[in-house]
N, C-alpha and C. Protein backbone atom coordinates (compact mmCIF):
# COMPACT_ATOMS: atom_id res chain seq x y z
N UNK A 1 -5.73 -14.16 -12.93
CA UNK A 1 -5.07 -13.93 -11.67
C UNK A 1 -5.99 -14.34 -10.53
N UNK A 2 -5.38 -14.93 -9.50
CA UNK A 2 -6.13 -15.34 -8.31
C UNK A 2 -5.34 -14.82 -7.12
N UNK A 3 -5.78 -13.67 -6.58
CA UNK A 3 -5.01 -12.97 -5.56
C UNK A 3 -5.54 -13.18 -4.16
N UNK A 4 -4.61 -13.09 -3.22
CA UNK A 4 -4.97 -13.04 -1.81
C UNK A 4 -3.97 -12.14 -1.09
N UNK A 5 -4.41 -11.56 0.00
CA UNK A 5 -3.53 -10.76 0.84
C UNK A 5 -3.05 -11.60 2.00
N UNK A 6 -1.76 -11.50 2.30
CA UNK A 6 -1.16 -12.27 3.38
C UNK A 6 -0.36 -11.35 4.30
N UNK A 7 -0.39 -11.68 5.58
CA UNK A 7 0.51 -11.04 6.54
C UNK A 7 1.86 -11.76 6.45
N UNK A 8 2.92 -11.04 6.71
CA UNK A 8 4.26 -11.63 6.71
C UNK A 8 4.40 -12.59 7.88
N UNK A 9 5.00 -13.74 7.62
CA UNK A 9 5.30 -14.71 8.68
C UNK A 9 6.52 -15.53 8.24
N UNK A 10 6.95 -16.43 9.08
CA UNK A 10 8.15 -17.21 8.76
C UNK A 10 7.93 -18.15 7.57
N UNK A 11 6.71 -18.58 7.33
CA UNK A 11 6.44 -19.49 6.21
C UNK A 11 6.57 -18.81 4.85
N UNK A 12 6.16 -17.54 4.75
CA UNK A 12 6.22 -16.87 3.44
C UNK A 12 7.42 -15.93 3.33
N UNK A 13 8.32 -16.03 4.27
CA UNK A 13 9.49 -15.15 4.36
C UNK A 13 10.29 -15.08 3.06
N UNK A 14 10.65 -16.21 2.49
CA UNK A 14 11.56 -16.18 1.33
C UNK A 14 10.92 -15.53 0.11
N UNK A 15 9.65 -15.82 -0.14
CA UNK A 15 8.99 -15.23 -1.31
C UNK A 15 8.83 -13.72 -1.17
N UNK A 16 8.46 -13.29 0.01
CA UNK A 16 8.29 -11.85 0.23
C UNK A 16 9.65 -11.15 0.23
N UNK A 17 10.65 -11.76 0.85
CA UNK A 17 11.98 -11.16 0.86
C UNK A 17 12.52 -10.99 -0.56
N UNK A 18 12.30 -11.98 -1.39
CA UNK A 18 12.73 -11.90 -2.79
C UNK A 18 12.08 -10.72 -3.49
N UNK A 19 10.76 -10.56 -3.32
CA UNK A 19 10.07 -9.44 -3.95
C UNK A 19 10.58 -8.11 -3.43
N UNK A 20 10.69 -7.97 -2.10
CA UNK A 20 11.11 -6.69 -1.51
C UNK A 20 12.52 -6.33 -1.99
N UNK A 21 13.44 -7.28 -2.05
CA UNK A 21 14.81 -7.00 -2.49
C UNK A 21 14.85 -6.58 -3.96
N UNK A 22 14.11 -7.29 -4.82
CA UNK A 22 14.06 -6.92 -6.24
C UNK A 22 13.49 -5.52 -6.41
N UNK A 23 12.43 -5.24 -5.67
CA UNK A 23 11.76 -3.94 -5.74
C UNK A 23 12.68 -2.83 -5.25
N UNK A 24 13.39 -3.07 -4.14
CA UNK A 24 14.31 -2.08 -3.60
C UNK A 24 15.44 -1.79 -4.59
N UNK A 25 15.97 -2.83 -5.22
CA UNK A 25 17.01 -2.64 -6.24
C UNK A 25 16.50 -1.78 -7.38
N UNK A 26 15.27 -2.06 -7.83
CA UNK A 26 14.66 -1.25 -8.89
C UNK A 26 14.55 0.21 -8.43
N UNK A 27 14.03 0.42 -7.23
CA UNK A 27 13.87 1.79 -6.71
C UNK A 27 15.20 2.51 -6.64
N UNK A 28 16.22 1.84 -6.11
CA UNK A 28 17.54 2.45 -5.97
C UNK A 28 18.14 2.78 -7.33
N UNK A 29 18.00 1.89 -8.30
CA UNK A 29 18.57 2.11 -9.62
C UNK A 29 17.82 3.15 -10.45
N UNK A 30 16.54 3.36 -10.14
CA UNK A 30 15.73 4.29 -10.94
C UNK A 30 15.29 5.52 -10.16
N UNK A 31 15.85 5.68 -8.95
CA UNK A 31 15.47 6.80 -8.08
C UNK A 31 13.95 6.87 -7.97
N UNK A 32 13.34 5.72 -7.80
CA UNK A 32 11.88 5.61 -7.82
C UNK A 32 11.28 5.82 -6.43
N UNK A 33 10.00 6.13 -6.44
CA UNK A 33 9.20 6.28 -5.23
C UNK A 33 9.20 4.96 -4.46
N UNK A 34 9.37 5.04 -3.16
CA UNK A 34 9.39 3.84 -2.33
C UNK A 34 8.04 3.65 -1.67
N UNK A 35 7.07 3.19 -2.44
CA UNK A 35 5.70 3.03 -1.94
C UNK A 35 5.26 1.59 -2.13
N UNK A 36 4.68 0.98 -1.13
CA UNK A 36 4.36 1.53 0.18
C UNK A 36 5.60 1.59 1.07
N UNK A 37 5.79 2.74 1.69
CA UNK A 37 7.00 2.98 2.49
C UNK A 37 7.18 1.97 3.61
N UNK A 38 6.08 1.43 4.13
CA UNK A 38 6.16 0.49 5.26
C UNK A 38 7.05 -0.70 4.97
N UNK A 39 7.10 -1.17 3.73
CA UNK A 39 7.89 -2.38 3.45
C UNK A 39 9.36 -2.07 3.18
N UNK A 40 9.70 -0.78 3.08
CA UNK A 40 11.08 -0.40 2.81
C UNK A 40 11.77 0.28 3.99
N UNK A 41 11.07 0.46 5.11
CA UNK A 41 11.65 1.22 6.21
C UNK A 41 12.71 0.44 6.99
N UNK A 42 12.73 -0.86 6.88
CA UNK A 42 13.71 -1.69 7.58
C UNK A 42 14.33 -2.69 6.62
N UNK A 43 15.49 -3.22 7.01
CA UNK A 43 16.21 -4.18 6.18
C UNK A 43 15.62 -5.58 6.38
N UNK A 44 15.10 -6.15 5.31
CA UNK A 44 14.47 -7.47 5.41
C UNK A 44 15.48 -8.59 5.67
N UNK A 45 16.77 -8.33 5.49
CA UNK A 45 17.78 -9.34 5.80
C UNK A 45 17.84 -9.63 7.30
N UNK A 46 17.48 -8.65 8.12
CA UNK A 46 17.34 -8.85 9.56
C UNK A 46 15.86 -9.16 9.80
N UNK A 47 15.47 -10.39 9.45
CA UNK A 47 14.05 -10.74 9.35
C UNK A 47 13.28 -10.53 10.64
N UNK A 48 13.80 -10.96 11.76
CA UNK A 48 13.06 -10.82 13.01
C UNK A 48 12.78 -9.35 13.32
N UNK A 49 13.77 -8.49 13.13
CA UNK A 49 13.58 -7.06 13.33
C UNK A 49 12.56 -6.51 12.32
N UNK A 50 12.70 -6.93 11.07
CA UNK A 50 11.78 -6.48 10.02
C UNK A 50 10.34 -6.86 10.38
N UNK A 51 10.14 -8.10 10.75
CA UNK A 51 8.81 -8.59 11.11
C UNK A 51 8.27 -7.85 12.34
N UNK A 52 9.11 -7.66 13.33
CA UNK A 52 8.69 -7.00 14.57
C UNK A 52 8.32 -5.53 14.34
N UNK A 53 8.98 -4.88 13.40
CA UNK A 53 8.77 -3.45 13.17
C UNK A 53 7.99 -3.12 11.91
N UNK A 54 7.42 -4.12 11.26
CA UNK A 54 6.70 -3.88 10.01
C UNK A 54 5.44 -3.05 10.24
N UNK A 55 4.72 -3.34 11.29
CA UNK A 55 3.46 -2.65 11.58
C UNK A 55 3.56 -1.87 12.88
N UNK A 56 2.76 -0.81 12.98
CA UNK A 56 2.62 -0.08 14.24
C UNK A 56 1.40 -0.65 14.95
N UNK A 57 1.64 -1.18 16.13
CA UNK A 57 0.54 -1.79 16.89
C UNK A 57 -0.29 -0.73 17.62
N UNK A 58 0.37 0.39 17.96
CA UNK A 58 -0.30 1.46 18.70
C UNK A 58 -0.02 2.79 18.01
N UNK A 59 -0.87 3.78 18.28
CA UNK A 59 -0.65 5.11 17.76
C UNK A 59 0.26 5.89 18.69
N UNK A 60 1.54 6.01 18.32
CA UNK A 60 2.50 6.76 19.11
C UNK A 60 3.45 7.53 18.21
N UNK A 61 4.01 8.60 18.73
CA UNK A 61 5.02 9.40 18.02
C UNK A 61 4.57 9.81 16.62
N UNK A 62 3.32 10.22 16.49
CA UNK A 62 2.80 10.66 15.21
C UNK A 62 2.42 9.55 14.25
N UNK A 63 2.57 8.32 14.67
CA UNK A 63 2.20 7.17 13.84
C UNK A 63 0.84 6.64 14.29
N UNK A 64 0.13 6.00 13.39
CA UNK A 64 -1.15 5.39 13.73
C UNK A 64 -1.02 3.87 13.57
N UNK A 65 -1.87 3.10 14.25
CA UNK A 65 -1.83 1.65 14.05
C UNK A 65 -2.08 1.32 12.57
N UNK A 66 -1.38 0.31 12.08
CA UNK A 66 -1.54 -0.07 10.68
C UNK A 66 -1.41 -1.57 10.51
N UNK A 67 -1.80 -2.03 9.35
CA UNK A 67 -1.68 -3.44 8.96
C UNK A 67 -1.02 -3.49 7.59
N UNK A 68 -0.04 -4.36 7.45
CA UNK A 68 0.66 -4.52 6.18
C UNK A 68 0.34 -5.90 5.62
N UNK A 69 -0.05 -5.92 4.36
CA UNK A 69 -0.37 -7.16 3.67
C UNK A 69 0.45 -7.25 2.39
N UNK A 70 0.83 -8.47 2.05
CA UNK A 70 1.53 -8.73 0.79
C UNK A 70 0.56 -9.47 -0.12
N UNK A 71 0.58 -9.11 -1.39
CA UNK A 71 -0.37 -9.66 -2.36
C UNK A 71 0.28 -10.81 -3.12
N UNK A 72 -0.36 -11.97 -3.03
CA UNK A 72 0.15 -13.19 -3.64
C UNK A 72 -0.79 -13.63 -4.76
N UNK A 73 -0.24 -13.93 -5.92
CA UNK A 73 -1.01 -14.46 -7.04
C UNK A 73 -0.80 -15.97 -7.07
N UNK A 74 -1.86 -16.70 -6.76
CA UNK A 74 -1.78 -18.16 -6.70
C UNK A 74 -1.50 -18.78 -8.07
N UNK A 75 -1.95 -18.14 -9.13
CA UNK A 75 -1.75 -18.71 -10.48
C UNK A 75 -0.28 -18.69 -10.90
N UNK A 76 0.42 -17.61 -10.61
CA UNK A 76 1.84 -17.54 -11.00
C UNK A 76 2.77 -17.88 -9.83
N UNK A 77 2.16 -18.11 -8.66
CA UNK A 77 2.91 -18.48 -7.45
C UNK A 77 4.01 -17.47 -7.13
N UNK A 78 3.60 -16.19 -7.05
CA UNK A 78 4.57 -15.14 -6.76
C UNK A 78 3.87 -13.97 -6.07
N UNK A 79 4.66 -13.22 -5.32
CA UNK A 79 4.16 -12.00 -4.67
C UNK A 79 4.26 -10.86 -5.67
N UNK A 80 3.18 -10.10 -5.78
CA UNK A 80 3.11 -9.07 -6.81
C UNK A 80 3.04 -7.65 -6.27
N UNK A 81 2.77 -7.49 -4.96
CA UNK A 81 2.66 -6.14 -4.41
C UNK A 81 2.42 -6.16 -2.92
N UNK A 82 2.15 -4.97 -2.39
CA UNK A 82 1.92 -4.83 -0.95
C UNK A 82 1.01 -3.63 -0.69
N UNK A 83 0.28 -3.72 0.42
CA UNK A 83 -0.57 -2.61 0.87
C UNK A 83 -0.35 -2.38 2.36
N UNK A 84 -0.43 -1.13 2.73
CA UNK A 84 -0.33 -0.71 4.12
C UNK A 84 -1.63 0.02 4.45
N UNK A 85 -2.40 -0.53 5.39
CA UNK A 85 -3.69 0.06 5.76
C UNK A 85 -3.54 0.72 7.12
N UNK A 86 -3.79 2.04 7.14
CA UNK A 86 -3.76 2.79 8.40
C UNK A 86 -5.15 2.73 9.01
N UNK A 87 -5.24 2.38 10.27
CA UNK A 87 -6.53 2.12 10.91
C UNK A 87 -7.36 3.38 11.14
N UNK A 88 -6.71 4.52 11.22
CA UNK A 88 -7.40 5.82 11.28
C UNK A 88 -6.44 6.87 10.78
N UNK A 89 -6.92 8.08 10.61
CA UNK A 89 -6.11 9.15 10.04
C UNK A 89 -5.72 10.18 11.10
N UNK A 90 -4.45 10.58 11.08
CA UNK A 90 -4.02 11.75 11.84
C UNK A 90 -4.02 12.93 10.86
N UNK A 91 -3.59 14.10 11.30
CA UNK A 91 -3.64 15.28 10.42
C UNK A 91 -2.84 15.11 9.14
N UNK A 92 -1.64 14.54 9.25
CA UNK A 92 -0.80 14.35 8.06
C UNK A 92 -1.40 13.36 7.08
N UNK A 93 -1.92 12.26 7.59
CA UNK A 93 -2.55 11.27 6.72
C UNK A 93 -3.83 11.81 6.10
N UNK A 94 -4.55 12.64 6.84
CA UNK A 94 -5.77 13.24 6.31
C UNK A 94 -5.44 14.17 5.15
N UNK A 95 -4.32 14.84 5.22
CA UNK A 95 -3.94 15.77 4.15
C UNK A 95 -3.43 15.04 2.91
N UNK A 96 -2.42 14.18 3.09
CA UNK A 96 -1.78 13.61 1.90
C UNK A 96 -1.46 12.13 1.97
N UNK A 97 -1.73 11.45 3.08
CA UNK A 97 -1.33 10.05 3.17
C UNK A 97 -2.44 9.06 2.90
N UNK A 98 -3.60 9.31 3.51
CA UNK A 98 -4.73 8.42 3.32
C UNK A 98 -4.67 7.17 4.17
N UNK A 99 -5.70 6.35 4.01
CA UNK A 99 -5.79 5.08 4.73
C UNK A 99 -4.92 3.99 4.12
N UNK A 100 -4.69 4.04 2.83
CA UNK A 100 -4.01 2.95 2.14
C UNK A 100 -2.79 3.46 1.39
N UNK A 101 -1.65 2.85 1.66
CA UNK A 101 -0.45 3.02 0.85
C UNK A 101 -0.27 1.72 0.10
N UNK A 102 0.00 1.79 -1.17
CA UNK A 102 0.06 0.55 -1.96
C UNK A 102 1.12 0.64 -3.03
N UNK A 103 1.49 -0.50 -3.53
CA UNK A 103 2.42 -0.55 -4.63
C UNK A 103 2.45 -1.94 -5.25
N UNK A 104 2.71 -1.95 -6.53
CA UNK A 104 2.89 -3.20 -7.27
C UNK A 104 4.36 -3.32 -7.63
N UNK A 105 4.90 -4.50 -7.42
CA UNK A 105 6.29 -4.76 -7.76
C UNK A 105 6.52 -4.37 -9.22
N UNK A 106 7.64 -3.71 -9.53
CA UNK A 106 7.86 -3.21 -10.89
C UNK A 106 7.64 -4.22 -12.01
N UNK A 107 8.01 -5.48 -11.80
CA UNK A 107 7.87 -6.45 -12.89
C UNK A 107 6.42 -6.84 -13.16
N UNK A 108 5.49 -6.46 -12.26
CA UNK A 108 4.09 -6.81 -12.45
C UNK A 108 3.18 -5.60 -12.69
N UNK A 109 3.77 -4.45 -12.93
CA UNK A 109 2.96 -3.26 -13.15
C UNK A 109 2.27 -3.30 -14.51
N UNK A 110 1.17 -2.56 -14.59
CA UNK A 110 0.38 -2.42 -15.83
C UNK A 110 -0.21 -3.75 -16.31
N UNK A 111 -0.54 -4.62 -15.34
CA UNK A 111 -1.16 -5.90 -15.68
C UNK A 111 -2.49 -6.10 -14.94
N UNK A 112 -3.01 -5.05 -14.31
CA UNK A 112 -4.29 -5.12 -13.61
C UNK A 112 -4.20 -5.52 -12.15
N UNK A 113 -2.99 -5.76 -11.66
CA UNK A 113 -2.84 -6.18 -10.27
C UNK A 113 -3.26 -5.09 -9.28
N UNK A 114 -2.93 -3.85 -9.57
CA UNK A 114 -3.23 -2.76 -8.65
C UNK A 114 -4.72 -2.65 -8.34
N UNK A 115 -5.55 -2.70 -9.35
CA UNK A 115 -6.99 -2.59 -9.16
C UNK A 115 -7.51 -3.73 -8.29
N UNK A 116 -7.08 -4.94 -8.58
CA UNK A 116 -7.53 -6.10 -7.80
C UNK A 116 -7.00 -6.08 -6.38
N UNK A 117 -5.76 -5.67 -6.21
CA UNK A 117 -5.17 -5.63 -4.87
C UNK A 117 -5.88 -4.59 -4.00
N UNK A 118 -6.19 -3.44 -4.58
CA UNK A 118 -6.91 -2.40 -3.81
C UNK A 118 -8.30 -2.89 -3.44
N UNK A 119 -8.96 -3.62 -4.32
CA UNK A 119 -10.28 -4.17 -4.00
C UNK A 119 -10.19 -5.08 -2.77
N UNK A 120 -9.14 -5.89 -2.69
CA UNK A 120 -8.93 -6.75 -1.52
C UNK A 120 -8.62 -5.91 -0.28
N UNK A 121 -7.83 -4.87 -0.45
CA UNK A 121 -7.49 -3.98 0.68
C UNK A 121 -8.74 -3.29 1.21
N UNK A 122 -9.65 -2.92 0.33
CA UNK A 122 -10.89 -2.27 0.76
C UNK A 122 -11.74 -3.23 1.60
N UNK A 123 -11.70 -4.51 1.28
CA UNK A 123 -12.40 -5.50 2.11
C UNK A 123 -11.79 -5.55 3.50
N UNK A 124 -10.47 -5.45 3.57
CA UNK A 124 -9.80 -5.42 4.87
C UNK A 124 -10.19 -4.15 5.64
N UNK A 125 -10.28 -3.04 4.94
CA UNK A 125 -10.70 -1.79 5.58
C UNK A 125 -12.09 -1.95 6.20
N UNK A 126 -12.98 -2.55 5.44
CA UNK A 126 -14.34 -2.78 5.93
C UNK A 126 -14.31 -3.64 7.20
N UNK A 127 -13.47 -4.69 7.21
CA UNK A 127 -13.34 -5.54 8.39
C UNK A 127 -12.83 -4.76 9.60
N UNK A 128 -12.01 -3.74 9.33
CA UNK A 128 -11.45 -2.92 10.40
C UNK A 128 -12.45 -1.84 10.86
N UNK A 129 -13.59 -1.76 10.19
CA UNK A 129 -14.58 -0.75 10.55
C UNK A 129 -14.37 0.59 9.88
N UNK A 130 -13.54 0.63 8.86
CA UNK A 130 -13.31 1.86 8.10
C UNK A 130 -14.31 1.87 6.95
N UNK A 131 -15.30 2.72 7.02
CA UNK A 131 -16.37 2.72 6.02
C UNK A 131 -16.20 3.80 4.95
N UNK A 132 -15.32 4.75 5.21
CA UNK A 132 -15.01 5.78 4.23
C UNK A 132 -13.49 5.88 4.17
N UNK A 133 -12.94 5.47 3.03
CA UNK A 133 -11.49 5.32 2.87
C UNK A 133 -10.93 6.47 2.04
N UNK A 134 -9.87 7.08 2.56
CA UNK A 134 -9.15 8.11 1.81
C UNK A 134 -7.94 7.47 1.14
N UNK A 135 -7.80 7.70 -0.16
CA UNK A 135 -6.60 7.30 -0.89
C UNK A 135 -6.07 8.53 -1.60
N UNK A 136 -4.76 8.65 -1.63
CA UNK A 136 -4.13 9.79 -2.28
C UNK A 136 -3.07 9.30 -3.27
N UNK A 137 -2.77 10.16 -4.23
CA UNK A 137 -1.67 9.88 -5.15
C UNK A 137 -1.19 11.19 -5.76
N UNK A 138 0.07 11.21 -6.17
CA UNK A 138 0.57 12.37 -6.88
C UNK A 138 -0.25 12.55 -8.16
N UNK A 139 -0.52 13.78 -8.51
CA UNK A 139 -1.32 14.07 -9.71
C UNK A 139 -0.69 13.45 -10.96
N UNK A 140 0.62 13.36 -10.98
CA UNK A 140 1.30 12.81 -12.16
C UNK A 140 1.22 11.28 -12.24
N UNK A 141 0.75 10.63 -11.18
CA UNK A 141 0.69 9.17 -11.15
C UNK A 141 -0.67 8.70 -11.70
N UNK A 142 -0.81 8.77 -13.00
CA UNK A 142 -2.06 8.43 -13.69
C UNK A 142 -2.49 6.99 -13.43
N UNK A 143 -1.58 5.99 -13.48
CA UNK A 143 -2.02 4.61 -13.19
C UNK A 143 -2.63 4.46 -11.79
N UNK A 144 -2.04 5.12 -10.80
CA UNK A 144 -2.58 5.03 -9.45
C UNK A 144 -3.96 5.68 -9.38
N UNK A 145 -4.12 6.84 -9.99
CA UNK A 145 -5.42 7.50 -10.00
C UNK A 145 -6.48 6.61 -10.66
N UNK A 146 -6.13 5.97 -11.76
CA UNK A 146 -7.07 5.07 -12.44
C UNK A 146 -7.47 3.91 -11.54
N UNK A 147 -6.51 3.36 -10.83
CA UNK A 147 -6.78 2.24 -9.92
C UNK A 147 -7.74 2.67 -8.82
N UNK A 148 -7.51 3.85 -8.27
CA UNK A 148 -8.38 4.37 -7.21
C UNK A 148 -9.79 4.59 -7.75
N UNK A 149 -9.90 5.21 -8.91
CA UNK A 149 -11.21 5.50 -9.52
C UNK A 149 -11.95 4.20 -9.84
N UNK A 150 -11.25 3.19 -10.35
CA UNK A 150 -11.88 1.90 -10.67
C UNK A 150 -12.44 1.23 -9.42
N UNK A 151 -11.91 1.59 -8.26
CA UNK A 151 -12.39 1.04 -6.99
C UNK A 151 -13.37 1.97 -6.29
N UNK A 152 -13.92 2.92 -7.03
CA UNK A 152 -14.96 3.80 -6.49
C UNK A 152 -14.49 5.13 -5.96
N UNK A 153 -13.23 5.45 -6.15
CA UNK A 153 -12.69 6.71 -5.65
C UNK A 153 -13.30 7.93 -6.32
N UNK A 154 -13.69 8.89 -5.50
CA UNK A 154 -14.23 10.16 -5.98
C UNK A 154 -13.25 11.25 -5.57
N UNK A 155 -12.76 11.99 -6.56
CA UNK A 155 -11.80 13.06 -6.30
C UNK A 155 -12.46 14.17 -5.49
N UNK A 156 -11.89 14.46 -4.32
CA UNK A 156 -12.39 15.56 -3.50
C UNK A 156 -11.66 16.86 -3.85
N UNK A 157 -10.33 16.80 -3.87
CA UNK A 157 -9.55 18.00 -4.17
C UNK A 157 -8.09 17.64 -4.39
N UNK A 158 -7.30 18.67 -4.61
CA UNK A 158 -5.85 18.53 -4.71
C UNK A 158 -5.22 19.43 -3.66
N UNK A 159 -4.18 18.93 -3.05
CA UNK A 159 -3.38 19.71 -2.11
C UNK A 159 -1.93 19.61 -2.56
N UNK A 160 -1.09 20.44 -1.98
CA UNK A 160 0.32 20.40 -2.36
C UNK A 160 1.16 19.94 -1.18
N UNK A 161 2.09 19.04 -1.48
CA UNK A 161 3.07 18.59 -0.51
C UNK A 161 4.44 18.75 -1.12
N UNK A 162 5.26 19.59 -0.52
CA UNK A 162 6.60 19.90 -1.04
C UNK A 162 6.52 20.35 -2.50
N UNK A 163 5.49 21.15 -2.82
CA UNK A 163 5.33 21.70 -4.17
C UNK A 163 4.74 20.73 -5.18
N UNK A 164 4.41 19.52 -4.75
CA UNK A 164 3.87 18.50 -5.66
C UNK A 164 2.37 18.38 -5.44
N UNK A 165 1.56 18.47 -6.52
CA UNK A 165 0.11 18.32 -6.35
C UNK A 165 -0.26 16.87 -6.02
N UNK A 166 -1.04 16.71 -4.95
CA UNK A 166 -1.49 15.40 -4.50
C UNK A 166 -3.01 15.38 -4.58
N UNK A 167 -3.55 14.37 -5.24
CA UNK A 167 -5.00 14.23 -5.38
C UNK A 167 -5.53 13.38 -4.23
N UNK A 168 -6.69 13.81 -3.68
CA UNK A 168 -7.32 13.13 -2.54
C UNK A 168 -8.65 12.54 -3.01
N UNK A 169 -8.76 11.22 -2.91
CA UNK A 169 -9.97 10.50 -3.34
C UNK A 169 -10.61 9.82 -2.13
N UNK A 170 -11.94 9.83 -2.08
CA UNK A 170 -12.67 9.11 -1.04
C UNK A 170 -13.43 7.94 -1.67
N UNK A 171 -13.41 6.82 -0.97
CA UNK A 171 -14.15 5.63 -1.40
C UNK A 171 -15.13 5.29 -0.28
N UNK A 172 -16.41 5.32 -0.60
CA UNK A 172 -17.46 5.03 0.38
C UNK A 172 -17.76 3.54 0.34
N UNK A 173 -17.48 2.84 1.43
CA UNK A 173 -17.70 1.39 1.48
C UNK A 173 -19.09 1.04 1.97
N UNK A 174 -19.90 2.02 2.30
CA UNK A 174 -21.24 1.76 2.81
C UNK A 174 -22.29 1.74 1.71
N UNK A 175 -21.92 2.08 0.49
CA UNK A 175 -22.90 2.11 -0.60
C UNK A 175 -23.15 0.72 -1.16
């Protein structure tokens, strides 16, 4: 695999739209978690609106500035996942959201993409000046926990959100 992270633009619109639609259909049919939520909050068929509202440019209304990247595998010439990087943490993100929301498209799961994509996202965090990254996952999401740990995540604790145990991992980028 040869991965890179890309911002959404008019040139990569069709490939990303295809992935997002397939992923949304999977989520809807399997009552699955919609993560990263940033790519599912708007309808990609209204592309200009989707592009305009994909990221938060400023911290307002309880939201923090963020950057959304789509993960492209040059070898298979397809988009395999997405990451949402929050530039800083508010109280809610500090408890259960973290700096990075991520997901691998269902058809590419369990193939090592998550670990590699998070490694690329951590480089973006470093560029943004985030030297200590919080990542969280539901305790039952073993693949996500493994991906975080493989990228240097150290479990700090578990908290509960809506009765569900959420694990909080810190990744130190200064080591």
